[in-house]
């Protein structure tokens, strides 16, 4: 398992970690198998979406902030209930197929670390399995 350190700079932010995942697969010398990308934080997530146009990640942030506002009648006293909800909706991990030494992604897809309670320093674990 390898661990990435990700530093966010905003309260809500999508950080492209695609290159780091590709690099891990290459360094682990996996030709065929799987890669699991996981974050152990309850106010963060991992997702796959378009990374060719930065407006897509901005629109995702805008949309999720409209659906789950920062301030509402939440009971959790830390003030980050919205971040917990967003994390649960996106999920803490993604699993990728590795074929010919590369993760199988669509033409426009990238892998994102989703920060919902930043800015912070976070961790992303990548576990590869295969040959």
Protein backbone atom coordinates (compact mmCIF):
# COMPACT_ATOMS: atom_id res chain seq x y z
CA UNK A 1 0.00 0.00 0.00
CA UNK A 2 1.16 3.49 -0.80
CA UNK A 3 -0.08 6.65 0.88
CA UNK A 4 -0.40 10.02 -0.81
CA UNK A 5 -0.52 13.23 1.16
CA UNK A 6 -3.03 15.67 -0.32
CA UNK A 7 -3.19 19.28 0.78
CA UNK A 8 -6.42 21.13 0.09
CA UNK A 9 -6.64 24.90 -0.07
CA UNK A 10 -10.40 25.49 -0.01
CA UNK A 11 -13.33 24.32 2.08
CA UNK A 12 -14.76 22.33 -0.84
CA UNK A 13 -12.38 21.28 -3.59
CA UNK A 14 -11.83 18.48 -6.12
CA UNK A 15 -8.13 17.67 -6.48
CA UNK A 16 -7.02 15.64 -9.50
CA UNK A 17 -4.86 12.71 -8.30
CA UNK A 18 -4.89 10.78 -11.59
CA UNK A 19 -1.16 11.22 -12.19
CA UNK A 20 -0.36 9.96 -8.69
CA UNK A 21 -2.47 6.83 -9.20
CA UNK A 22 -0.82 6.13 -12.60
CA UNK A 23 2.61 6.60 -11.00
CA UNK A 24 1.78 4.16 -8.18
CA UNK A 25 0.63 1.49 -10.64
CA UNK A 26 3.81 1.97 -12.67
CA UNK A 27 6.06 1.81 -9.58
CA UNK A 28 4.26 -1.30 -8.31
CA UNK A 29 4.90 -2.90 -11.72
CA UNK A 30 1.31 -4.13 -12.07
CA UNK A 31 0.35 -5.17 -15.60
CA UNK A 32 -3.04 -6.78 -14.93
CA UNK A 33 -5.07 -6.37 -11.76
CA UNK A 34 -6.86 -3.83 -9.61
CA UNK A 35 -6.11 -0.60 -7.81
CA UNK A 36 -8.17 0.54 -4.84
CA UNK A 37 -8.01 4.24 -4.01
CA UNK A 38 -9.29 4.96 -0.49
CA UNK A 39 -9.38 7.93 1.86
CA UNK A 40 -9.80 7.34 5.61
CA UNK A 41 -11.49 10.68 6.29
CA UNK A 42 -15.19 11.09 7.15
CA UNK A 43 -15.41 14.48 5.46
CA UNK A 44 -13.62 13.60 2.22
CA UNK A 45 -14.19 11.23 -0.69
CA UNK A 46 -12.82 9.75 -3.91
CA UNK A 47 -14.61 10.03 -7.24
CA UNK A 48 -14.05 9.58 -10.96
CA UNK A 49 -15.27 12.18 -13.41
CA UNK A 50 -14.20 14.35 -16.33
CA UNK A 51 -10.82 16.04 -15.90
CA UNK A 52 -10.45 17.61 -19.36
CA UNK A 53 -12.54 20.71 -18.59
CA UNK A 54 -12.06 22.35 -15.15
CA UNK A 55 -15.61 23.73 -15.38
CA UNK A 56 -16.93 20.22 -14.72
CA UNK A 57 -15.38 20.03 -11.25
CA UNK A 58 -16.57 23.59 -10.54
CA UNK A 59 -20.08 22.58 -11.58
CA UNK A 60 -19.96 19.47 -9.39
CA UNK A 61 -18.96 21.60 -6.41
CA UNK A 62 -21.68 24.17 -7.18
CA UNK A 63 -24.30 21.45 -7.56
CA UNK A 64 -23.40 19.53 -4.42
CA UNK A 65 -23.28 22.77 -2.40
CA UNK A 66 -26.82 23.59 -3.58
CA UNK A 67 -28.07 20.11 -2.66
CA UNK A 68 -26.30 20.03 0.70
CA UNK A 69 -25.84 23.57 2.05
CA UNK A 70 -23.03 24.34 4.47
CA UNK A 71 -25.45 25.68 7.05
CA UNK A 72 -28.82 24.11 7.77
CA UNK A 73 -30.57 22.80 10.87
CA UNK A 74 -27.87 20.19 11.49
CA UNK A 75 -27.43 18.70 14.97
CA UNK A 76 -23.74 17.82 14.77
CA UNK A 77 -21.95 20.48 16.82
CA UNK A 78 -18.65 20.60 14.91
CA UNK A 79 -20.26 22.56 12.08
CA UNK A 80 -19.24 20.12 9.36
CA UNK A 81 -22.38 18.03 8.92
CA UNK A 82 -22.63 19.01 5.27
CA UNK A 83 -19.13 17.60 4.72
CA UNK A 84 -20.09 14.28 6.34
CA UNK A 85 -23.18 13.99 4.14
CA UNK A 86 -21.24 14.83 0.96
CA UNK A 87 -18.57 12.27 1.86
CA UNK A 88 -21.20 9.57 2.32
CA UNK A 89 -22.84 10.36 -1.01
CA UNK A 90 -19.58 10.29 -2.99
CA UNK A 91 -17.94 7.42 -1.09
CA UNK A 92 -14.53 6.83 0.45
CA UNK A 93 -13.09 4.71 -2.36
CA UNK A 94 -12.93 3.75 -6.02
CA UNK A 95 -11.69 0.51 -7.56
CA UNK A 96 -9.99 0.57 -10.96
CA UNK A 97 -9.18 -2.22 -13.37
CA UNK A 98 -5.53 -2.27 -14.47
CA UNK A 99 -4.93 -3.48 -18.02
CA UNK A 100 -1.58 -3.38 -19.83
CA UNK A 101 -0.06 -1.49 -16.92
CA UNK A 102 -2.60 1.35 -16.90
CA UNK A 103 -5.87 2.00 -15.09
CA UNK A 104 -8.88 1.57 -17.34
CA UNK A 105 -10.45 5.02 -17.56
CA UNK A 106 -12.62 6.66 -20.17
CA UNK A 107 -11.07 9.21 -22.52
CA UNK A 108 -12.05 12.18 -20.39
CA UNK A 109 -12.03 10.56 -16.95
CA UNK A 110 -9.76 11.42 -14.06
CA UNK A 111 -9.54 10.45 -10.40
CA UNK A 112 -10.35 13.08 -7.80
CA UNK A 113 -9.80 13.50 -4.10
CA UNK A 114 -12.88 15.37 -2.86
CA UNK A 115 -12.33 17.78 0.02
CA UNK A 116 -15.50 18.81 1.83
CA UNK A 117 -14.08 20.21 5.09
CA UNK A 118 -10.88 22.03 4.17
CA UNK A 119 -8.41 23.37 3.95
CA UNK A 120 -6.55 20.41 5.43
CA UNK A 121 -3.77 17.92 4.89
CA UNK A 122 -5.26 14.52 4.04
CA UNK A 123 -4.25 11.00 3.09
CA UNK A 124 -5.16 8.77 0.19
CA UNK A 125 -4.19 5.10 0.28
CA UNK A 126 -3.61 3.19 -2.95
CA UNK A 127 -3.48 -0.60 -2.90
CA UNK A 128 -2.64 -2.47 -6.08
CA UNK A 129 -3.23 -6.17 -6.59
CA UNK A 130 -2.23 -8.22 -9.59
CA UNK A 131 0.60 -9.39 -11.74
